[in-house]
Amino acid sequence: MKIEDYDKVVEYWSQYILCGPLSEYKLEIDPELEDHFVAIALFLDTKTVRASGETEEFYEGYRQAATDILNFIGLELGQDDEKKVVTIYKSTSPADIQEELKQHIWG
């Protein structure tokens, strides 16, 4: 991924998500995360928010798919209303992710 593409994804997410009630919030990204994974997380977050205007079944399906992908790549998005920050960080328990993945694959 080109740096310009990554910057566009971050800018698009910020313009779409950090408005209205979240206009005073800032985005914090764990510096240890790879840019392409962060771009995937921001893209999925934007698409999920956009899907919320669709039918409930569509939204729930999209939200679950986005959550599964973020779990698979080991990222989480968090929101701290006191600090007015949205954070992207590495999931806290890689062992749990591996166990969940095994359950999805082998049942």
PDB file of N, CA and C in Angstrom:
ATOM      1  N   MET A   1       0.846  -1.178   0.000  1.00  0.00           N
ATOM      2  CA  MET A   1       0.000   0.000   0.000  1.00  0.00           C
ATOM      3  C   MET A   1       0.887   1.236   0.000  1.00  0.00           C
ATOM      4  N   LYS A   2       0.537   2.163  -0.820  1.00  0.00           N
ATOM      5  CA  LYS A   2       1.274   3.414  -0.885  1.00  0.00           C
ATOM      6  C   LYS A   2       0.928   4.290   0.319  1.00  0.00           C
ATOM      7  N   ILE A   3       1.876   5.093   0.738  1.00  0.00           N
ATOM      8  CA  ILE A   3       1.638   6.006   1.865  1.00  0.00           C
ATOM      9  C   ILE A   3       0.470   6.928   1.556  1.00  0.00           C
ATOM     10  N   GLU A   4       0.375   7.364   0.307  1.00  0.00           N
ATOM     11  CA  GLU A   4      -0.714   8.266  -0.070  1.00  0.00           C
ATOM     12  C   GLU A   4      -2.069   7.591   0.117  1.00  0.00           C
ATOM     13  N   ASP A   5      -2.152   6.296  -0.222  1.00  0.00           N
ATOM     14  CA  ASP A   5      -3.397   5.549  -0.061  1.00  0.00           C
ATOM     15  C   ASP A   5      -3.758   5.423   1.413  1.00  0.00           C
ATOM     16  N   TYR A   6      -2.770   5.120   2.240  1.00  0.00           N
ATOM     17  CA  TYR A   6      -2.997   5.005   3.676  1.00  0.00           C
ATOM     18  C   TYR A   6      -3.509   6.340   4.223  1.00  0.00           C
ATOM     19  N   ASP A   7      -2.865   7.421   3.846  1.00  0.00           N
ATOM     20  CA  ASP A   7      -3.281   8.747   4.305  1.00  0.00           C
ATOM     21  C   ASP A   7      -4.709   9.066   3.860  1.00  0.00           C
ATOM     22  N   LYS A   8      -5.080   8.649   2.654  1.00  0.00           N
ATOM     23  CA  LYS A   8      -6.441   8.878   2.160  1.00  0.00           C
ATOM     24  C   LYS A   8      -7.468   8.115   2.983  1.00  0.00           C
ATOM     25  N   VAL A   9      -7.141   6.878   3.358  1.00  0.00           N
ATOM     26  CA  VAL A   9      -8.060   6.074   4.166  1.00  0.00           C
ATOM     27  C   VAL A   9      -8.253   6.723   5.532  1.00  0.00           C
ATOM     28  N   VAL A  10      -7.170   7.156   6.151  1.00  0.00           N
ATOM     29  CA  VAL A  10      -7.254   7.815   7.465  1.00  0.00           C
ATOM     30  C   VAL A  10      -8.054   9.109   7.347  1.00  0.00           C
ATOM     31  N   GLU A  11      -7.788   9.882   6.314  1.00  0.00           N
ATOM     32  CA  GLU A  11      -8.507  11.142   6.119  1.00  0.00           C
ATOM     33  C   GLU A  11      -9.998  10.898   5.872  1.00  0.00           C
ATOM     34  N   TYR A  12     -10.323   9.928   5.033  1.00  0.00           N
ATOM     35  CA  TYR A  12     -11.719   9.620   4.740  1.00  0.00           C
ATOM     36  C   TYR A  12     -12.441   9.175   6.011  1.00  0.00           C
ATOM     37  N   TRP A  13     -11.808   8.292   6.784  1.00  0.00           N
ATOM     38  CA  TRP A  13     -12.414   7.825   8.031  1.00  0.00           C
ATOM     39  C   TRP A  13     -12.650   9.014   8.966  1.00  0.00           C
ATOM     40  N   SER A  14     -11.647   9.852   9.109  1.00  0.00           N
ATOM     41  CA  SER A  14     -11.765  11.010  10.010  1.00  0.00           C
ATOM     42  C   SER A  14     -12.902  11.936   9.591  1.00  0.00           C
ATOM     43  N   GLN A  15     -13.016  12.199   8.302  1.00  0.00           N
ATOM     44  CA  GLN A  15     -14.066  13.089   7.815  1.00  0.00           C
ATOM     45  C   GLN A  15     -15.452  12.469   7.985  1.00  0.00           C
ATOM     46  N   TYR A  16     -15.544  11.158   7.842  1.00  0.00           N
ATOM     47  CA  TYR A  16     -16.846  10.492   7.911  1.00  0.00           C
ATOM     48  C   TYR A  16     -17.270  10.194   9.354  1.00  0.00           C
ATOM     49  N   ILE A  17     -16.323   9.776  10.195  1.00  0.00           N
ATOM     50  CA  ILE A  17     -16.647   9.334  11.547  1.00  0.00           C
ATOM     51  C   ILE A  17     -16.516  10.464  12.575  1.00  0.00           C
ATOM     52  N   LEU A  18     -15.455  11.241  12.467  1.00  0.00           N
ATOM     53  CA  LEU A  18     -15.208  12.272  13.481  1.00  0.00           C
ATOM     54  C   LEU A  18     -15.957  13.560  13.150  1.00  0.00           C
ATOM     55  N   CYS A  19     -17.267  13.449  13.118  1.00  0.00           N
ATOM     56  CA  CYS A  19     -18.121  14.606  12.875  1.00  0.00           C
ATOM     57  C   CYS A  19     -19.327  14.501  13.796  1.00  0.00           C
ATOM     58  N   GLY A  20     -20.135  15.513  13.849  1.00  0.00           N
ATOM     59  CA  GLY A  20     -21.308  15.497  14.726  1.00  0.00           C
ATOM     60  C   GLY A  20     -20.891  15.312  16.170  1.00  0.00           C
ATOM     61  N   PRO A  21     -21.464  14.306  16.854  1.00  0.00           N
ATOM     62  CA  PRO A  21     -21.147  14.110  18.269  1.00  0.00           C
ATOM     63  C   PRO A  21     -19.678  13.737  18.532  1.00  0.00           C
ATOM     64  N   LEU A  22     -18.984  13.247  17.509  1.00  0.00           N
ATOM     65  CA  LEU A  22     -17.575  12.857  17.673  1.00  0.00           C
ATOM     66  C   LEU A  22     -16.606  13.904  17.107  1.00  0.00           C
ATOM     67  N   SER A  23     -17.095  15.094  16.814  1.00  0.00           N
ATOM     68  CA  SER A  23     -16.253  16.096  16.155  1.00  0.00           C
ATOM     69  C   SER A  23     -15.061  16.549  16.995  1.00  0.00           C
ATOM     70  N   GLU A  24     -15.133  16.406  18.301  1.00  0.00           N
ATOM     71  CA  GLU A  24     -14.015  16.812  19.160  1.00  0.00           C
ATOM     72  C   GLU A  24     -13.043  15.663  19.434  1.00  0.00           C
ATOM     73  N   TYR A  25     -13.323  14.492  18.900  1.00  0.00           N
ATOM     74  CA  TYR A  25     -12.486  13.329  19.152  1.00  0.00           C
ATOM     75  C   TYR A  25     -11.263  13.326  18.242  1.00  0.00           C
ATOM     76  N   LYS A  26     -10.241  12.618  18.680  1.00  0.00           N
ATOM     77  CA  LYS A  26      -9.013  12.427  17.907  1.00  0.00           C
ATOM     78  C   LYS A  26      -8.797  10.937  17.690  1.00  0.00           C
ATOM     79  N   LEU A  27      -8.052  10.606  16.663  1.00  0.00           N
ATOM     80  CA  LEU A  27      -7.698   9.221  16.376  1.00  0.00           C
ATOM     81  C   LEU A  27      -6.283   8.965  16.879  1.00  0.00           C
ATOM     82  N   GLU A  28      -6.121   7.908  17.670  1.00  0.00           N
ATOM     83  CA  GLU A  28      -4.805   7.482  18.119  1.00  0.00           C
ATOM     84  C   GLU A  28      -4.560   6.073  17.594  1.00  0.00           C
ATOM     85  N   ILE A  29      -3.411   5.885  16.970  1.00  0.00           N
ATOM     86  CA  ILE A  29      -3.062   4.594  16.383  1.00  0.00           C
ATOM     87  C   ILE A  29      -1.796   4.093  17.057  1.00  0.00           C
ATOM     88  N   ASP A  30      -1.847   2.874  17.557  1.00  0.00           N
ATOM     89  CA  ASP A  30      -0.670   2.260  18.165  1.00  0.00           C
ATOM     90  C   ASP A  30       0.451   2.269  17.123  1.00  0.00           C
ATOM     91  N   PRO A  31       1.596   2.885  17.435  1.00  0.00           N
ATOM     92  CA  PRO A  31       2.680   2.997  16.445  1.00  0.00           C
ATOM     93  C   PRO A  31       3.291   1.660  16.037  1.00  0.00           C
ATOM     94  N   GLU A  32       3.033   0.603  16.803  1.00  0.00           N
ATOM     95  CA  GLU A  32       3.570  -0.710  16.454  1.00  0.00           C
ATOM     96  C   GLU A  32       2.744  -1.425  15.386  1.00  0.00           C
ATOM     97  N   LEU A  33       1.564  -0.902  15.068  1.00  0.00           N
ATOM     98  CA  LEU A  33       0.697  -1.553  14.090  1.00  0.00           C
ATOM     99  C   LEU A  33       1.148  -1.260  12.670  1.00  0.00           C
ATOM    100  N   GLU A  34       0.963  -2.241  11.810  1.00  0.00           N
ATOM    101  CA  GLU A  34       1.302  -2.060  10.403  1.00  0.00           C
ATOM    102  C   GLU A  34       0.216  -1.232   9.719  1.00  0.00           C
ATOM    103  N   ASP A  35       0.645  -0.320   8.848  1.00  0.00           N
ATOM    104  CA  ASP A  35      -0.277   0.608   8.191  1.00  0.00           C
ATOM    105  C   ASP A  35      -1.407  -0.097   7.451  1.00  0.00           C
ATOM    106  N   HIS A  36      -1.089  -1.184   6.751  1.00  0.00           N
ATOM    107  CA  HIS A  36      -2.144  -1.835   5.965  1.00  0.00           C
ATOM    108  C   HIS A  36      -3.218  -2.446   6.862  1.00  0.00           C
ATOM    109  N   PHE A  37      -2.849  -2.920   8.050  1.00  0.00           N
ATOM    110  CA  PHE A  37      -3.866  -3.427   8.977  1.00  0.00           C
ATOM    111  C   PHE A  37      -4.719  -2.293   9.534  1.00  0.00           C
ATOM    112  N   VAL A  38      -4.093  -1.169   9.821  1.00  0.00           N
ATOM    113  CA  VAL A  38      -4.839   0.004  10.301  1.00  0.00           C
ATOM    114  C   VAL A  38      -5.811   0.469   9.223  1.00  0.00           C
ATOM    115  N   ALA A  39      -5.353   0.499   7.976  1.00  0.00           N
ATOM    116  CA  ALA A  39      -6.224   0.910   6.869  1.00  0.00           C
ATOM    117  C   ALA A  39      -7.421  -0.029   6.750  1.00  0.00           C
ATOM    118  N   ILE A  40      -7.202  -1.328   6.929  1.00  0.00           N
ATOM    119  CA  ILE A  40      -8.309  -2.297   6.881  1.00  0.00           C
ATOM    120  C   ILE A  40      -9.296  -2.005   8.005  1.00  0.00           C
ATOM    121  N   ALA A  41      -8.791  -1.764   9.202  1.00  0.00           N
ATOM    122  CA  ALA A  41      -9.665  -1.491  10.350  1.00  0.00           C
ATOM    123  C   ALA A  41     -10.503  -0.234  10.120  1.00  0.00           C
ATOM    124  N   LEU A  42      -9.878   0.826   9.626  1.00  0.00           N
ATOM    125  CA  LEU A  42     -10.603   2.073   9.385  1.00  0.00           C
ATOM    126  C   LEU A  42     -11.613   1.915   8.253  1.00  0.00           C
ATOM    127  N   PHE A  43     -11.239   1.196   7.215  1.00  0.00           N
ATOM    128  CA  PHE A  43     -12.148   0.949   6.107  1.00  0.00           C
ATOM    129  C   PHE A  43     -13.372   0.173   6.586  1.00  0.00           C
ATOM    130  N   LEU A  44     -13.147  -0.899   7.351  1.00  0.00           N
ATOM    131  CA  LEU A  44     -14.261  -1.699   7.858  1.00  0.00           C
ATOM    132  C   LEU A  44     -15.145  -0.908   8.799  1.00  0.00           C
ATOM    133  N   ASP A  45     -14.542  -0.063   9.620  1.00  0.00           N
ATOM    134  CA  ASP A  45     -15.333   0.762  10.532  1.00  0.00           C
ATOM    135  C   ASP A  45     -16.231   1.712   9.747  1.00  0.00           C
ATOM    136  N   THR A  46     -15.688   2.343   8.735  1.00  0.00           N
ATOM    137  CA  THR A  46     -16.479   3.253   7.911  1.00  0.00           C
ATOM    138  C   THR A  46     -17.613   2.512   7.211  1.00  0.00           C
ATOM    139  N   LYS A  47     -17.300   1.366   6.616  1.00  0.00           N
ATOM    140  CA  LYS A  47     -18.319   0.597   5.908  1.00  0.00           C
ATOM    141  C   LYS A  47     -19.405   0.099   6.863  1.00  0.00           C
ATOM    142  N   THR A  48     -19.034  -0.287   8.071  1.00  0.00           N
ATOM    143  CA  THR A  48     -20.016  -0.766   9.045  1.00  0.00           C
ATOM    144  C   THR A  48     -20.947   0.359   9.465  1.00  0.00           C
ATOM    145  N   VAL A  49     -20.395   1.540   9.702  1.00  0.00           N
ATOM    146  CA  VAL A  49     -21.232   2.681  10.070  1.00  0.00           C
ATOM    147  C   VAL A  49     -22.180   3.019   8.926  1.00  0.00           C
ATOM    148  N   ARG A  50     -21.685   2.970   7.710  1.00  0.00           N
ATOM    149  CA  ARG A  50     -22.551   3.246   6.559  1.00  0.00           C
ATOM    150  C   ARG A  50     -23.640   2.181   6.426  1.00  0.00           C
ATOM    151  N   ALA A  51     -23.304   0.941   6.738  1.00  0.00           N
ATOM    152  CA  ALA A  51     -24.274  -0.152   6.630  1.00  0.00           C
ATOM    153  C   ALA A  51     -25.376  -0.036   7.685  1.00  0.00           C
ATOM    154  N   SER A  52     -25.143   0.740   8.725  1.00  0.00           N
ATOM    155  CA  SER A  52     -26.149   0.859   9.787  1.00  0.00           C
ATOM    156  C   SER A  52     -27.430   1.511   9.285  1.00  0.00           C
ATOM    157  N   GLY A  53     -27.372   2.203   8.165  1.00  0.00           N
ATOM    158  CA  GLY A  53     -28.565   2.799   7.578  1.00  0.00           C
ATOM    159  C   GLY A  53     -29.374   1.824   6.735  1.00  0.00           C
ATOM    160  N   GLU A  54     -28.836   0.627   6.544  1.00  0.00           N
ATOM    161  CA  GLU A  54     -29.501  -0.404   5.748  1.00  0.00           C
ATOM    162  C   GLU A  54     -30.435  -1.231   6.639  1.00  0.00           C
ATOM    163  N   THR A  55     -30.966  -2.293   6.083  1.00  0.00           N
ATOM    164  CA  THR A  55     -31.838  -3.174   6.868  1.00  0.00           C
ATOM    165  C   THR A  55     -31.036  -3.808   8.006  1.00  0.00           C
ATOM    166  N   GLU A  56     -31.721  -4.162   9.059  1.00  0.00           N
ATOM    167  CA  GLU A  56     -31.071  -4.717  10.254  1.00  0.00           C
ATOM    168  C   GLU A  56     -30.255  -5.969   9.934  1.00  0.00           C
ATOM    169  N   GLU A  57     -30.790  -6.856   9.083  1.00  0.00           N
ATOM    170  CA  GLU A  57     -30.079  -8.089   8.754  1.00  0.00           C
ATOM    171  C   GLU A  57     -28.773  -7.789   8.025  1.00  0.00           C
ATOM    172  N   PHE A  58     -28.823  -6.823   7.109  1.00  0.00           N
ATOM    173  CA  PHE A  58     -27.624  -6.444   6.367  1.00  0.00           C
ATOM    174  C   PHE A  58     -26.576  -5.882   7.312  1.00  0.00           C
ATOM    175  N   TYR A  59     -27.020  -4.965   8.175  1.00  0.00           N
ATOM    176  CA  TYR A  59     -26.097  -4.332   9.111  1.00  0.00           C
ATOM    177  C   TYR A  59     -25.465  -5.360  10.041  1.00  0.00           C
ATOM    178  N   GLU A  60     -26.271  -6.227  10.633  1.00  0.00           N
ATOM    179  CA  GLU A  60     -25.749  -7.234  11.566  1.00  0.00           C
ATOM    180  C   GLU A  60     -24.762  -8.166  10.871  1.00  0.00           C
ATOM    181  N   GLY A  61     -25.068  -8.553   9.659  1.00  0.00           N
ATOM    182  CA  GLY A  61     -24.157  -9.407   8.907  1.00  0.00           C
ATOM    183  C   GLY A  61     -22.844  -8.710   8.608  1.00  0.00           C
ATOM    184  N   TYR A  62     -22.926  -7.467   8.209  1.00  0.00           N
ATOM    185  CA  TYR A  62     -21.719  -6.709   7.899  1.00  0.00           C
ATOM    186  C   TYR A  62     -20.896  -6.472   9.152  1.00  0.00           C
ATOM    187  N   ARG A  63     -21.589  -6.132  10.247  1.00  0.00           N
ATOM    188  CA  ARG A  63     -20.892  -5.865  11.508  1.00  0.00           C
ATOM    189  C   ARG A  63     -20.168  -7.113  11.984  1.00  0.00           C
ATOM    190  N   GLN A  64     -20.808  -8.270  11.882  1.00  0.00           N
ATOM    191  CA  GLN A  64     -20.180  -9.510  12.319  1.00  0.00           C
ATOM    192  C   GLN A  64     -18.978  -9.854  11.447  1.00  0.00           C
ATOM    193  N   ALA A  65     -19.104  -9.664  10.141  1.00  0.00           N
ATOM    194  CA  ALA A  65     -17.980  -9.932   9.236  1.00  0.00           C
ATOM    195  C   ALA A  65     -16.805  -9.012   9.560  1.00  0.00           C
ATOM    196  N   ALA A  66     -17.075  -7.739   9.783  1.00  0.00           N
ATOM    197  CA  ALA A  66     -16.016  -6.785  10.117  1.00  0.00           C
ATOM    198  C   ALA A  66     -15.342  -7.170  11.428  1.00  0.00           C
ATOM    199  N   THR A  67     -16.137  -7.558  12.415  1.00  0.00           N
ATOM    200  CA  THR A  67     -15.587  -7.977  13.705  1.00  0.00           C
ATOM    201  C   THR A  67     -14.719  -9.217  13.548  1.00  0.00           C
ATOM    202  N   ASP A  68     -15.169 -10.180  12.755  1.00  0.00           N
ATOM    203  CA  ASP A  68     -14.390 -11.397  12.528  1.00  0.00           C
ATOM    204  C   ASP A  68     -13.048 -11.078  11.876  1.00  0.00           C
ATOM    205  N   ILE A  69     -13.049 -10.187  10.909  1.00  0.00           N
ATOM    206  CA  ILE A  69     -11.802  -9.825  10.224  1.00  0.00           C
ATOM    207  C   ILE A  69     -10.857  -9.111  11.181  1.00  0.00           C
ATOM    208  N   LEU A  70     -11.369  -8.172  11.965  1.00  0.00           N
ATOM    209  CA  LEU A  70     -10.517  -7.470  12.919  1.00  0.00           C
ATOM    210  C   LEU A  70      -9.964  -8.433  13.967  1.00  0.00           C
ATOM    211  N   ASN A  71     -10.783  -9.373  14.421  1.00  0.00           N
ATOM    212  CA  ASN A  71     -10.290 -10.383  15.359  1.00  0.00           C
ATOM    213  C   ASN A  71      -9.193 -11.224  14.723  1.00  0.00           C
ATOM    214  N   PHE A  72      -9.384 -11.574  13.471  1.00  0.00           N
ATOM    215  CA  PHE A  72      -8.399 -12.404  12.760  1.00  0.00           C
ATOM    216  C   PHE A  72      -7.055 -11.699  12.627  1.00  0.00           C
ATOM    217  N   ILE A  73      -7.069 -10.396  12.316  1.00  0.00           N
ATOM    218  CA  ILE A  73      -5.800  -9.676  12.165  1.00  0.00           C
ATOM    219  C   ILE A  73      -5.298  -9.110  13.492  1.00  0.00           C
ATOM    220  N   GLY A  74      -6.080  -9.287  14.560  1.00  0.00           N
ATOM    221  CA  GLY A  74      -5.609  -8.934  15.896  1.00  0.00           C
ATOM    222  C   GLY A  74      -5.685  -7.470  16.251  1.00  0.00           C
ATOM    223  N   LEU A  75      -6.709  -6.769  15.746  1.00  0.00           N
ATOM    224  CA  LEU A  75      -6.866  -5.347  16.055  1.00  0.00           C
ATOM    225  C   LEU A  75      -8.198  -5.087  16.728  1.00  0.00           C
ATOM    226  N   GLU A  76      -8.220  -4.039  17.523  1.00  0.00           N
ATOM    227  CA  GLU A  76      -9.453  -3.587  18.143  1.00  0.00           C
ATOM    228  C   GLU A  76      -9.542  -2.073  18.010  1.00  0.00           C
ATOM    229  N   LEU A  77     -10.771  -1.590  17.944  1.00  0.00           N
ATOM    230  CA  LEU A  77     -11.032  -0.161  17.985  1.00  0.00           C
ATOM    231  C   LEU A  77     -11.728   0.118  19.308  1.00  0.00           C
ATOM    232  N   GLY A  78     -11.269   1.150  19.989  1.00  0.00           N
ATOM    233  CA  GLY A  78     -11.872   1.527  21.251  1.00  0.00           C
ATOM    234  C   GLY A  78     -12.186   3.005  21.263  1.00  0.00           C
ATOM    235  N   GLN A  79     -13.146   3.373  22.083  1.00  0.00           N
ATOM    236  CA  GLN A  79     -13.547   4.773  22.184  1.00  0.00           C
ATOM    237  C   GLN A  79     -13.536   5.171  23.652  1.00  0.00           C
ATOM    238  N   ASP A  80     -12.783   6.213  23.990  1.00  0.00           N
ATOM    239  CA  ASP A  80     -12.729   6.741  25.347  1.00  0.00           C
ATOM    240  C   ASP A  80     -13.431   8.086  25.350  1.00  0.00           C
ATOM    241  N   ASP A  81     -14.630   8.118  25.922  1.00  0.00           N
ATOM    242  CA  ASP A  81     -15.428   9.343  25.908  1.00  0.00           C
ATOM    243  C   ASP A  81     -14.867  10.421  26.837  1.00  0.00           C
ATOM    244  N   GLU A  82     -14.153  10.028  27.879  1.00  0.00           N
ATOM    245  CA  GLU A  82     -13.548  11.026  28.771  1.00  0.00           C
ATOM    246  C   GLU A  82     -12.412  11.770  28.080  1.00  0.00           C
ATOM    247  N   LYS A  83     -11.544  11.008  27.422  1.00  0.00           N
ATOM    248  CA  LYS A  83     -10.396  11.609  26.733  1.00  0.00           C
ATOM    249  C   LYS A  83     -10.739  12.085  25.330  1.00  0.00           C
ATOM    250  N   LYS A  84     -11.932  11.713  24.848  1.00  0.00           N
ATOM    251  CA  LYS A  84     -12.383  12.033  23.489  1.00  0.00           C
ATOM    252  C   LYS A  84     -11.390  11.522  22.450  1.00  0.00           C
ATOM    253  N   VAL A  85     -11.166  10.206  22.531  1.00  0.00           N
ATOM    254  CA  VAL A  85     -10.199   9.551  21.661  1.00  0.00           C
ATOM    255  C   VAL A  85     -10.786   8.249  21.130  1.00  0.00           C
ATOM    256  N   VAL A  86     -10.534   7.995  19.858  1.00  0.00           N
ATOM    257  CA  VAL A  86     -10.794   6.690  19.261  1.00  0.00           C
ATOM    258  C   VAL A  86      -9.414   6.078  19.023  1.00  0.00           C
ATOM    259  N   THR A  87      -9.225   4.851  19.523  1.00  0.00           N
ATOM    260  CA  THR A  87      -7.912   4.227  19.480  1.00  0.00           C
ATOM    261  C   THR A  87      -7.971   2.919  18.693  1.00  0.00           C
ATOM    262  N   ILE A  88      -6.931   2.694  17.904  1.00  0.00           N
ATOM    263  CA  ILE A  88      -6.741   1.404  17.244  1.00  0.00           C
ATOM    264  C   ILE A  88      -5.523   0.771  17.892  1.00  0.00           C
ATOM    265  N   TYR A  89      -5.713  -0.445  18.396  1.00  0.00           N
ATOM    266  CA  TYR A  89      -4.631  -1.106  19.116  1.00  0.00           C
ATOM    267  C   TYR A  89      -4.678  -2.607  18.878  1.00  0.00           C
ATOM    268  N   LYS A  90      -3.572  -3.251  19.221  1.00  0.00           N
ATOM    269  CA  LYS A  90      -3.464  -4.698  19.071  1.00  0.00           C
ATOM    270  C   LYS A  90      -4.348  -5.362  20.115  1.00  0.00           C
ATOM    271  N   SER A  91      -5.036  -6.422  19.706  1.00  0.00           N
ATOM    272  CA  SER A  91      -5.893  -7.166  20.627  1.00  0.00           C
ATOM    273  C   SER A  91      -5.083  -7.647  21.828  1.00  0.00           C
ATOM    274  N   THR A  92      -5.745  -7.743  22.954  1.00  0.00           N
ATOM    275  CA  THR A  92      -5.047  -8.055  24.194  1.00  0.00           C
ATOM    276  C   THR A  92      -4.667  -9.519  24.348  1.00  0.00           C
ATOM    277  N   SER A  93      -5.369 -10.417  23.708  1.00  0.00           N
ATOM    278  CA  SER A  93      -5.116 -11.831  23.939  1.00  0.00           C
ATOM    279  C   SER A  93      -5.036 -12.622  22.632  1.00  0.00           C
ATOM    280  N   PRO A  94      -3.849 -12.740  22.071  1.00  0.00           N
ATOM    281  CA  PRO A  94      -3.700 -13.534  20.849  1.00  0.00           C
ATOM    282  C   PRO A  94      -4.103 -14.996  21.029  1.00  0.00           C
ATOM    283  N   ALA A  95      -3.952 -15.550  22.227  1.00  0.00           N
ATOM    284  CA  ALA A  95      -4.334 -16.944  22.471  1.00  0.00           C
ATOM    285  C   ALA A  95      -5.842 -17.119  22.290  1.00  0.00           C
ATOM    286  N   ASP A  96      -6.615 -16.142  22.758  1.00  0.00           N
ATOM    287  CA  ASP A  96      -8.067 -16.207  22.592  1.00  0.00           C
ATOM    288  C   ASP A  96      -8.450 -16.160  21.119  1.00  0.00           C
ATOM    289  N   ILE A  97      -7.759 -15.355  20.360  1.00  0.00           N
ATOM    290  CA  ILE A  97      -8.038 -15.239  18.933  1.00  0.00           C
ATOM    291  C   ILE A  97      -7.755 -16.565  18.235  1.00  0.00           C
ATOM    292  N   GLN A  98      -6.641 -17.184  18.580  1.00  0.00           N
ATOM    293  CA  GLN A  98      -6.304 -18.470  17.972  1.00  0.00           C
ATOM    294  C   GLN A  98      -7.351 -19.527  18.312  1.00  0.00           C
ATOM    295  N   GLU A  99      -7.816 -19.544  19.558  1.00  0.00           N
ATOM    296  CA  GLU A  99      -8.837 -20.498  19.970  1.00  0.00           C
ATOM    297  C   GLU A  99     -10.139 -20.268  19.214  1.00  0.00           C
ATOM    298  N   GLU A 100     -10.520 -18.992  19.069  1.00  0.00           N
ATOM    299  CA  GLU A 100     -11.730 -18.658  18.338  1.00  0.00           C
ATOM    300  C   GLU A 100     -11.619 -19.064  16.878  1.00  0.00           C
ATOM    301  N   LEU A 101     -10.462 -18.828  16.293  1.00  0.00           N
ATOM    302  CA  LEU A 101     -10.223 -19.221  14.910  1.00  0.00           C
ATOM    303  C   LEU A 101     -10.341 -20.733  14.745  1.00  0.00           C
ATOM    304  N   LYS A 102      -9.759 -21.483  15.679  1.00  0.00           N
ATOM    305  CA  LYS A 102      -9.866 -22.944  15.616  1.00  0.00           C
ATOM    306  C   LYS A 102     -11.330 -23.383  15.686  1.00  0.00           C
ATOM    307  N   GLN A 103     -12.114 -22.747  16.535  1.00  0.00           N
ATOM    308  CA  GLN A 103     -13.519 -23.103  16.666  1.00  0.00           C
ATOM    309  C   GLN A 103     -14.278 -22.830  15.363  1.00  0.00           C
ATOM    310  N   HIS A 104     -13.965 -21.688  14.700  1.00  0.00           N
ATOM    311  CA  HIS A 104     -14.630 -21.361  13.439  1.00  0.00           C
ATOM    312  C   HIS A 104     -14.246 -22.346  12.334  1.00  0.00           C
ATOM    313  N   ILE A 105     -13.004 -22.762  12.316  1.00  0.00           N
ATOM    314  CA  ILE A 105     -12.535 -23.640  11.255  1.00  0.00           C
ATOM    315  C   ILE A 105     -12.971 -25.090  11.480  1.00  0.00           C
ATOM    316  N   TRP A 106     -12.747 -25.607  12.676  1.00  0.00           N
ATOM    317  CA  TRP A 106     -12.986 -27.022  12.926  1.00  0.00           C
ATOM    318  C   TRP A 106     -14.239 -27.315  13.745  1.00  0.00           C
ATOM    319  N   GLY A 107     -14.911 -26.275  14.195  1.00  0.00           N
ATOM    320  CA  GLY A 107     -16.176 -26.480  14.922  1.00  0.00           C
ATOM    321  C   GLY A 107     -16.085 -26.846  16.328  1.00  0.00           C
TER     322      GLY A 107
END
